[in-house]
Amino acid sequence: MIDFNDPRQIAKAIQYTNVNPDLTREGVIKHLETCMQYQFDAAMIAPCWVSLAKEMLKGSGVRVATTVNFPMANDTTAMKVAVVRELAKEGADEFDFPPNPGYLLGGQEDLYFNELKSVVHVAHDLGMKVKAMLEFGFITEEALKIKATRYAFEAGIDWVKQSSGWGKGGCEATVEDVRLLKANIQLPCRVKVSGKVNTLEKMKAMFEAGAELVGTSSGPELVKGLTGDINAY
């Protein structure tokens, strides 16, 4: 548990996120400068900006984080693996990806698990950390949430998330979901949260439930103890 009275510890538990499709190069540069200013754990940016981020963040201590098949989740496994390889070439340190919820919802659990394993295998071979966005906005039954979490853990995922926080499959982070995630994994797998974590009080509640990392577009506001945009990620 971090010290929520220490802004530096708060910042190091935040992956400051801007993956909006209309983000320009100028906007990305501003985002990366803010990440360096606050010393966030990582800059979470879209794949097309990874090489720029790698160049700008070199030596800063801020990691380069990005996404794979976000937010749709339904590319083929081979397509996801190919993207992972390309992101490694571009310089990404880690990525978040959604395993295909349709597989799990339709009873194709072998396909769901094998996709997780395939993505983890190539990522770890290339030195990247992997976070699984389980999209509880689609997977709403508790029993399936537990299955999704356990499959991710058994596949070797580094971090589990209840959701991307975006789109139809996205959902707001809750204490209940964090507790479910935490109860169904073991170290070294850990819990990240995303989705409307826009106040320091909410971030603290998520961490008390078992989270250790947050993805949010309200990074500076959380560090300052302010309220971020309630309509934003």
C-alpha atoms as a PDB file:
ATOM      1  CA  MET A   1       0.000   0.000   0.000  1.00  0.00           C
ATOM      2  CA  ILE A   2       1.441   3.353  -0.985  1.00  0.00           C
ATOM      3  CA  ASP A   3       1.530   6.432   1.234  1.00  0.00           C
ATOM      4  CA  PHE A   4      -1.294   8.606  -0.062  1.00  0.00           C
ATOM      5  CA  ASN A   5       0.230  11.611   1.698  1.00  0.00           C
ATOM      6  CA  ASP A   6       3.259  11.402  -0.601  1.00  0.00           C
ATOM      7  CA  PRO A   7       2.610  12.842  -4.100  1.00  0.00           C
ATOM      8  CA  ARG A   8       5.668  11.023  -5.467  1.00  0.00           C
ATOM      9  CA  GLN A   9       4.301   7.626  -4.443  1.00  0.00           C
ATOM     10  CA  ILE A  10       0.891   8.494  -5.865  1.00  0.00           C
ATOM     11  CA  ALA A  11       2.448   9.460  -9.211  1.00  0.00           C
ATOM     12  CA  LYS A  12       4.475   6.242  -9.361  1.00  0.00           C
ATOM     13  CA  ALA A  13       1.235   4.235  -9.076  1.00  0.00           C
ATOM     14  CA  ILE A  14      -0.378   6.007 -12.057  1.00  0.00           C
ATOM     15  CA  GLN A  15      -0.195   5.224 -15.747  1.00  0.00           C
ATOM     16  CA  TYR A  16      -1.221   8.553 -17.258  1.00  0.00           C
ATOM     17  CA  THR A  17      -3.423   7.761 -20.230  1.00  0.00           C
ATOM     18  CA  ASN A  18      -4.399   9.443 -23.464  1.00  0.00           C
ATOM     19  CA  VAL A  19      -5.317   7.049 -26.256  1.00  0.00           C
ATOM     20  CA  ASN A  20      -7.933   9.234 -27.918  1.00  0.00           C
ATOM     21  CA  PRO A  21      -8.094   8.713 -31.714  1.00  0.00           C
ATOM     22  CA  ASP A  22      -8.020  12.468 -32.402  1.00  0.00           C
ATOM     23  CA  LEU A  23      -4.842  13.067 -30.402  1.00  0.00           C
ATOM     24  CA  THR A  24      -2.253  14.923 -32.498  1.00  0.00           C
ATOM     25  CA  ARG A  25       1.536  14.758 -32.352  1.00  0.00           C
ATOM     26  CA  GLU A  26       1.527  18.068 -30.506  1.00  0.00           C
ATOM     27  CA  GLY A  27      -0.919  16.641 -27.980  1.00  0.00           C
ATOM     28  CA  VAL A  28       1.188  13.528 -27.493  1.00  0.00           C
ATOM     29  CA  ILE A  29       4.291  15.617 -26.844  1.00  0.00           C
ATOM     30  CA  LYS A  30       2.418  17.623 -24.207  1.00  0.00           C
ATOM     31  CA  HIS A  31       1.194  14.388 -22.632  1.00  0.00           C
ATOM     32  CA  LEU A  32       4.707  12.952 -22.495  1.00  0.00           C
ATOM     33  CA  GLU A  33       6.085  16.166 -21.009  1.00  0.00           C
ATOM     34  CA  THR A  34       3.461  15.962 -18.271  1.00  0.00           C
ATOM     35  CA  CYS A  35       4.432  12.352 -17.587  1.00  0.00           C
ATOM     36  CA  MET A  36       8.039  13.417 -17.100  1.00  0.00           C
ATOM     37  CA  GLN A  37       7.069  16.397 -14.979  1.00  0.00           C
ATOM     38  CA  TYR A  38       5.067  14.267 -12.533  1.00  0.00           C
ATOM     39  CA  GLN A  39       7.218  11.152 -12.879  1.00  0.00           C
ATOM     40  CA  PHE A  40       4.260   8.875 -13.517  1.00  0.00           C
ATOM     41  CA  ASP A  41       4.881   5.135 -13.716  1.00  0.00           C
ATOM     42  CA  ALA A  42       4.134   5.141 -17.435  1.00  0.00           C
ATOM     43  CA  ALA A  43       2.775   7.113 -20.335  1.00  0.00           C
ATOM     44  CA  MET A  44      -0.103   5.110 -21.794  1.00  0.00           C
ATOM     45  CA  ILE A  45      -0.403   6.102 -25.432  1.00  0.00           C
ATOM     46  CA  ALA A  46      -1.702   4.644 -28.709  1.00  0.00           C
ATOM     47  CA  PRO A  47       0.574   2.307 -30.707  1.00  0.00           C
ATOM     48  CA  CYS A  48       1.267   4.873 -33.424  1.00  0.00           C
ATOM     49  CA  TRP A  49       3.063   7.104 -30.902  1.00  0.00           C
ATOM     50  CA  VAL A  50       5.272   4.466 -29.256  1.00  0.00           C
ATOM     51  CA  SER A  51       8.469   5.343 -31.142  1.00  0.00           C
ATOM     52  CA  LEU A  52       8.031   9.038 -30.344  1.00  0.00           C
ATOM     53  CA  ALA A  53       7.413   8.216 -26.686  1.00  0.00           C
ATOM     54  CA  LYS A  54      10.463   5.969 -26.534  1.00  0.00           C
ATOM     55  CA  GLU A  55      12.627   8.779 -27.867  1.00  0.00           C
ATOM     56  CA  MET A  56      11.210  11.480 -25.600  1.00  0.00           C
ATOM     57  CA  LEU A  57      11.085   9.416 -22.407  1.00  0.00           C
ATOM     58  CA  LYS A  58      14.590   7.960 -22.732  1.00  0.00           C
ATOM     59  CA  GLY A  59      16.396   8.260 -19.404  1.00  0.00           C
ATOM     60  CA  SER A  60      13.370   9.764 -17.636  1.00  0.00           C
ATOM     61  CA  GLY A  61      12.352   6.686 -15.670  1.00  0.00           C
ATOM     62  CA  VAL A  62       8.851   6.832 -17.211  1.00  0.00           C
ATOM     63  CA  ARG A  63       7.831   3.648 -18.992  1.00  0.00           C
ATOM     64  CA  VAL A  64       6.240   3.427 -22.439  1.00  0.00           C
ATOM     65  CA  ALA A  65       2.878   1.642 -22.246  1.00  0.00           C
ATOM     66  CA  THR A  66       0.445   1.042 -25.082  1.00  0.00           C
ATOM     67  CA  THR A  67      -2.433  -1.156 -26.245  1.00  0.00           C
ATOM     68  CA  VAL A  68      -3.106  -4.155 -28.474  1.00  0.00           C
ATOM     69  CA  ASN A  69      -6.459  -4.600 -30.284  1.00  0.00           C
ATOM     70  CA  PHE A  70      -8.088  -1.935 -28.149  1.00  0.00           C
ATOM     71  CA  PRO A  71     -11.018  -1.636 -27.676  1.00  0.00           C
ATOM     72  CA  MET A  72     -12.629  -4.228 -29.964  1.00  0.00           C
ATOM     73  CA  ALA A  73     -10.775  -7.338 -28.640  1.00  0.00           C
ATOM     74  CA  ASN A  74     -11.728  -9.542 -31.584  1.00  0.00           C
ATOM     75  CA  ASP A  75      -8.686  -9.599 -33.850  1.00  0.00           C
ATOM     76  CA  THR A  76      -7.334 -13.096 -34.411  1.00  0.00           C
ATOM     77  CA  THR A  77      -4.712 -14.384 -32.011  1.00  0.00           C
ATOM     78  CA  ALA A  78      -2.145 -14.300 -34.815  1.00  0.00           C
ATOM     79  CA  MET A  79      -2.948 -10.644 -35.458  1.00  0.00           C
ATOM     80  CA  LYS A  80      -2.511  -9.793 -31.787  1.00  0.00           C
ATOM     81  CA  VAL A  81       0.804 -11.623 -31.653  1.00  0.00           C
ATOM     82  CA  ALA A  82       2.005  -9.800 -34.770  1.00  0.00           C
ATOM     83  CA  VAL A  83       1.167  -6.452 -33.167  1.00  0.00           C
ATOM     84  CA  VAL A  84       3.058  -7.425 -30.022  1.00  0.00           C
ATOM     85  CA  ARG A  85       6.145  -8.136 -32.121  1.00  0.00           C
ATOM     86  CA  GLU A  86       5.831  -4.794 -33.896  1.00  0.00           C
ATOM     87  CA  LEU A  87       5.389  -2.901 -30.611  1.00  0.00           C
ATOM     88  CA  ALA A  88       8.557  -4.505 -29.279  1.00  0.00           C
ATOM     89  CA  LYS A  89      10.432  -3.185 -32.330  1.00  0.00           C
ATOM     90  CA  GLU A  90       8.972   0.270 -31.735  1.00  0.00           C
ATOM     91  CA  GLY A  91      10.198   0.250 -28.139  1.00  0.00           C
ATOM     92  CA  ALA A  92       7.150  -0.414 -25.953  1.00  0.00           C
ATOM     93  CA  ASP A  93       7.903  -1.587 -22.414  1.00  0.00           C
ATOM     94  CA  GLU A  94       4.446  -3.045 -21.820  1.00  0.00           C
ATOM     95  CA  PHE A  95       0.915  -3.155 -23.173  1.00  0.00           C
ATOM     96  CA  ASP A  96      -2.686  -3.710 -22.160  1.00  0.00           C
ATOM     97  CA  PHE A  97      -4.872  -5.983 -24.278  1.00  0.00           C
ATOM     98  CA  PRO A  98      -8.394  -7.418 -24.100  1.00  0.00           C
ATOM     99  CA  PRO A  99      -8.751 -11.168 -24.575  1.00  0.00           C
ATOM    100  CA  ASN A 100     -11.760 -11.910 -26.793  1.00  0.00           C
ATOM    101  CA  PRO A 101     -14.802 -11.898 -24.456  1.00  0.00           C
ATOM    102  CA  GLY A 102     -16.931 -13.611 -27.109  1.00  0.00           C
ATOM    103  CA  TYR A 103     -14.888 -16.773 -26.669  1.00  0.00           C
ATOM    104  CA  LEU A 104     -15.590 -16.931 -22.954  1.00  0.00           C
ATOM    105  CA  LEU A 105     -19.241 -15.918 -23.249  1.00  0.00           C
ATOM    106  CA  GLY A 106     -19.786 -18.540 -25.949  1.00  0.00           C
ATOM    107  CA  GLY A 107     -18.217 -21.373 -24.016  1.00  0.00           C
ATOM    108  CA  GLN A 108     -15.040 -21.509 -26.133  1.00  0.00           C
ATOM    109  CA  GLU A 109     -12.841 -21.435 -23.083  1.00  0.00           C
ATOM    110  CA  ASP A 110      -9.950 -23.227 -24.765  1.00  0.00           C
ATOM    111  CA  LEU A 111      -9.703 -20.463 -27.379  1.00  0.00           C
ATOM    112  CA  TYR A 112      -9.904 -17.805 -24.659  1.00  0.00           C
ATOM    113  CA  PHE A 113      -7.117 -19.384 -22.613  1.00  0.00           C
ATOM    114  CA  ASN A 114      -4.912 -20.178 -25.606  1.00  0.00           C
ATOM    115  CA  GLU A 115      -5.115 -16.585 -26.816  1.00  0.00           C
ATOM    116  CA  LEU A 116      -3.973 -15.375 -23.407  1.00  0.00           C
ATOM    117  CA  LYS A 117      -1.099 -17.861 -23.370  1.00  0.00           C
ATOM    118  CA  SER A 118       0.014 -17.017 -26.907  1.00  0.00           C
ATOM    119  CA  VAL A 119       0.120 -13.283 -26.260  1.00  0.00           C
ATOM    120  CA  VAL A 120       1.917 -13.697 -22.930  1.00  0.00           C
ATOM    121  CA  HIS A 121       4.477 -16.088 -24.401  1.00  0.00           C
ATOM    122  CA  VAL A 122       5.621 -13.798 -27.196  1.00  0.00           C
ATOM    123  CA  ALA A 123       5.515 -10.684 -24.985  1.00  0.00           C
ATOM    124  CA  HIS A 124       7.667 -12.226 -22.280  1.00  0.00           C
ATOM    125  CA  ASP A 125      10.091 -13.564 -24.882  1.00  0.00           C
ATOM    126  CA  LEU A 126      10.467  -9.976 -26.094  1.00  0.00           C
ATOM    127  CA  GLY A 127      10.878  -8.548 -22.591  1.00  0.00           C
ATOM    128  CA  MET A 128       7.490  -6.863 -22.289  1.00  0.00           C
ATOM    129  CA  LYS A 129       4.988  -6.895 -19.431  1.00  0.00           C
ATOM    130  CA  VAL A 130       1.359  -7.755 -20.245  1.00  0.00           C
ATOM    131  CA  LYS A 131      -1.840  -6.451 -18.685  1.00  0.00           C
ATOM    132  CA  ALA A 132      -5.159  -8.176 -19.510  1.00  0.00           C
ATOM    133  CA  MET A 133      -8.233  -5.955 -19.759  1.00  0.00           C
ATOM    134  CA  LEU A 134     -10.969  -8.441 -18.923  1.00  0.00           C
ATOM    135  CA  GLU A 135     -13.835  -6.160 -19.959  1.00  0.00           C
ATOM    136  CA  PHE A 136     -16.312  -6.889 -17.189  1.00  0.00           C
ATOM    137  CA  GLY A 137     -18.726  -4.623 -19.053  1.00  0.00           C
ATOM    138  CA  PHE A 138     -19.320  -7.687 -21.250  1.00  0.00           C
ATOM    139  CA  ILE A 139     -18.559 -10.399 -18.702  1.00  0.00           C
ATOM    140  CA  THR A 140     -21.104  -9.506 -16.042  1.00  0.00           C
ATOM    141  CA  GLU A 141     -21.747 -12.824 -14.281  1.00  0.00           C
ATOM    142  CA  GLU A 142     -19.561 -13.342 -11.223  1.00  0.00           C
ATOM    143  CA  ALA A 143     -18.702 -16.926 -12.158  1.00  0.00           C
ATOM    144  CA  LEU A 144     -17.420 -15.803 -15.572  1.00  0.00           C
ATOM    145  CA  LYS A 145     -15.493 -12.914 -14.033  1.00  0.00           C
ATOM    146  CA  ILE A 146     -13.736 -15.438 -11.813  1.00  0.00           C
ATOM    147  CA  LYS A 147     -13.016 -17.707 -14.791  1.00  0.00           C
ATOM    148  CA  ALA A 148     -11.597 -14.832 -16.814  1.00  0.00           C
ATOM    149  CA  THR A 149      -9.351 -13.783 -13.940  1.00  0.00           C
ATOM    150  CA  ARG A 150      -8.096 -17.293 -13.263  1.00  0.00           C
ATOM    151  CA  TYR A 151      -7.418 -17.971 -16.925  1.00  0.00           C
ATOM    152  CA  ALA A 152      -5.383 -14.776 -17.140  1.00  0.00           C
ATOM    153  CA  PHE A 153      -3.400 -15.699 -14.036  1.00  0.00           C
ATOM    154  CA  GLU A 154      -2.774 -19.257 -15.226  1.00  0.00           C
ATOM    155  CA  ALA A 155      -1.606 -17.927 -18.606  1.00  0.00           C
ATOM    156  CA  GLY A 156       1.091 -15.888 -16.880  1.00  0.00           C
ATOM    157  CA  ILE A 157      -0.380 -12.394 -17.211  1.00  0.00           C
ATOM    158  CA  ASP A 158       1.561  -9.798 -15.214  1.00  0.00           C
ATOM    159  CA  TRP A 159      -1.435  -7.595 -14.379  1.00  0.00           C
ATOM    160  CA  VAL A 160      -5.207  -8.124 -14.483  1.00  0.00           C
ATOM    161  CA  LYS A 161      -7.684  -5.280 -14.981  1.00  0.00           C
ATOM    162  CA  GLN A 162     -11.433  -5.354 -14.590  1.00  0.00           C
ATOM    163  CA  SER A 163     -11.808  -3.296 -17.741  1.00  0.00           C
ATOM    164  CA  SER A 164     -10.286  -0.943 -20.242  1.00  0.00           C
ATOM    165  CA  GLY A 165     -12.783   1.643 -19.024  1.00  0.00           C
ATOM    166  CA  TRP A 166     -13.725   2.379 -22.651  1.00  0.00           C
ATOM    167  CA  GLY A 167     -16.684   1.578 -24.896  1.00  0.00           C
ATOM    168  CA  LYS A 168     -19.391  -1.026 -24.495  1.00  0.00           C
ATOM    169  CA  GLY A 169     -17.131  -3.498 -22.716  1.00  0.00           C
ATOM    170  CA  GLY A 170     -15.655  -0.842 -20.484  1.00  0.00           C
ATOM    171  CA  CYS A 171     -16.978  -0.273 -17.013  1.00  0.00           C
ATOM    172  CA  GLU A 172     -16.234   1.883 -14.013  1.00  0.00           C
ATOM    173  CA  ALA A 173     -13.777   0.484 -11.499  1.00  0.00           C
ATOM    174  CA  THR A 174     -15.409  -0.815  -8.327  1.00  0.00           C
ATOM    175  CA  VAL A 175     -14.151  -2.099  -4.997  1.00  0.00           C
ATOM    176  CA  GLU A 176     -16.095  -5.320  -5.544  1.00  0.00           C
ATOM    177  CA  ASP A 177     -14.392  -6.077  -8.855  1.00  0.00           C
ATOM    178  CA  VAL A 178     -10.952  -5.293  -7.455  1.00  0.00           C
ATOM    179  CA  ARG A 179     -11.568  -7.684  -4.559  1.00  0.00           C
ATOM    180  CA  LEU A 180     -12.687 -10.385  -6.999  1.00  0.00           C
ATOM    181  CA  LEU A 181      -9.546  -9.941  -9.088  1.00  0.00           C
ATOM    182  CA  LYS A 182      -7.295  -9.983  -6.048  1.00  0.00           C
ATOM    183  CA  ALA A 183      -8.937 -13.123  -4.647  1.00  0.00           C
ATOM    184  CA  ASN A 184      -8.324 -15.102  -7.836  1.00  0.00           C
ATOM    185  CA  ILE A 185      -4.664 -14.389  -8.524  1.00  0.00           C
ATOM    186  CA  GLN A 186      -1.358 -14.873  -6.760  1.00  0.00           C
ATOM    187  CA  LEU A 187       1.937 -13.023  -7.007  1.00  0.00           C
ATOM    188  CA  PRO A 188       3.658 -12.119  -9.237  1.00  0.00           C
ATOM    189  CA  CYS A 189       0.331 -11.310 -10.936  1.00  0.00           C
ATOM    190  CA  ARG A 190      -1.102  -8.029  -9.647  1.00  0.00           C
ATOM    191  CA  VAL A 191      -4.174  -5.801 -10.063  1.00  0.00           C
ATOM    192  CA  LYS A 192      -4.482  -2.638 -12.135  1.00  0.00           C
ATOM    193  CA  VAL A 193      -7.724  -0.638 -12.369  1.00  0.00           C
ATOM    194  CA  SER A 194      -9.112   1.657 -15.028  1.00  0.00           C
ATOM    195  CA  GLY A 195     -12.416   3.409 -15.506  1.00  0.00           C
ATOM    196  CA  LYS A 196     -13.498   6.641 -13.758  1.00  0.00           C
ATOM    197  CA  VAL A 197     -10.736   6.643 -11.161  1.00  0.00           C
ATOM    198  CA  ASN A 198     -10.790  10.431 -11.126  1.00  0.00           C
ATOM    199  CA  THR A 199     -10.417  11.342  -7.446  1.00  0.00           C
ATOM    200  CA  LEU A 200      -7.723  10.540  -4.922  1.00  0.00           C
ATOM    201  CA  GLU A 201     -10.386   9.138  -2.606  1.00  0.00           C
ATOM    202  CA  LYS A 202     -11.489   6.634  -5.243  1.00  0.00           C
ATOM    203  CA  MET A 203      -7.918   5.677  -6.043  1.00  0.00           C
ATOM    204  CA  LYS A 204      -7.294   5.047  -2.348  1.00  0.00           C
ATOM    205  CA  ALA A 205     -10.421   2.861  -2.110  1.00  0.00           C
ATOM    206  CA  MET A 206      -9.230   0.793  -5.085  1.00  0.00           C
ATOM    207  CA  PHE A 207      -5.817   0.298  -3.499  1.00  0.00           C
ATOM    208  CA  GLU A 208      -7.297  -0.650  -0.126  1.00  0.00           C
ATOM    209  CA  ALA A 209      -9.255  -3.350  -2.013  1.00  0.00           C
ATOM    210  CA  GLY A 210      -6.069  -4.739  -3.571  1.00  0.00           C
ATOM    211  CA  ALA A 211      -5.112  -2.671  -6.632  1.00  0.00           C
ATOM    212  CA  GLU A 212      -1.518  -1.509  -7.069  1.00  0.00           C
ATOM    213  CA  LEU A 213      -1.695   0.497 -10.297  1.00  0.00           C
ATOM    214  CA  VAL A 214      -4.245   2.786 -11.952  1.00  0.00           C
ATOM    215  CA  GLY A 215      -4.735   3.880 -15.543  1.00  0.00           C
ATOM    216  CA  THR A 216      -6.407   7.278 -15.766  1.00  0.00           C
ATOM    217  CA  SER A 217      -6.590  10.505 -17.743  1.00  0.00           C
ATOM    218  CA  SER A 218      -6.798  12.385 -14.421  1.00  0.00           C
ATOM    219  CA  GLY A 219      -3.195  11.776 -13.369  1.00  0.00           C
ATOM    220  CA  PRO A 220      -2.181  15.337 -12.412  1.00  0.00           C
ATOM    221  CA  GLU A 221      -5.459  15.892 -10.576  1.00  0.00           C
ATOM    222  CA  LEU A 222      -4.977  12.745  -8.488  1.00  0.00           C
ATOM    223  CA  VAL A 223      -1.471  13.798  -7.496  1.00  0.00           C
ATOM    224  CA  LYS A 224      -2.776  17.219  -6.464  1.00  0.00           C
ATOM    225  CA  GLY A 225      -5.783  15.788  -4.602  1.00  0.00           C
ATOM    226  CA  LEU A 226      -8.228  17.412  -7.010  1.00  0.00           C
ATOM    227  CA  THR A 227     -11.161  15.968  -8.982  1.00  0.00           C
ATOM    228  CA  GLY A 228     -10.568  15.035 -12.613  1.00  0.00           C
ATOM    229  CA  ASP A 229     -13.072  15.266 -15.437  1.00  0.00           C
ATOM    230  CA  ILE A 230     -15.970  13.026 -14.378  1.00  0.00           C
ATOM    231  CA  ASN A 231     -16.808  12.353 -18.036  1.00  0.00           C
ATOM    232  CA  ALA A 232     -13.283  11.292 -18.971  1.00  0.00           C
ATOM    233  CA  TYR A 233     -11.432   7.987 -18.750  1.00  0.00           C
END
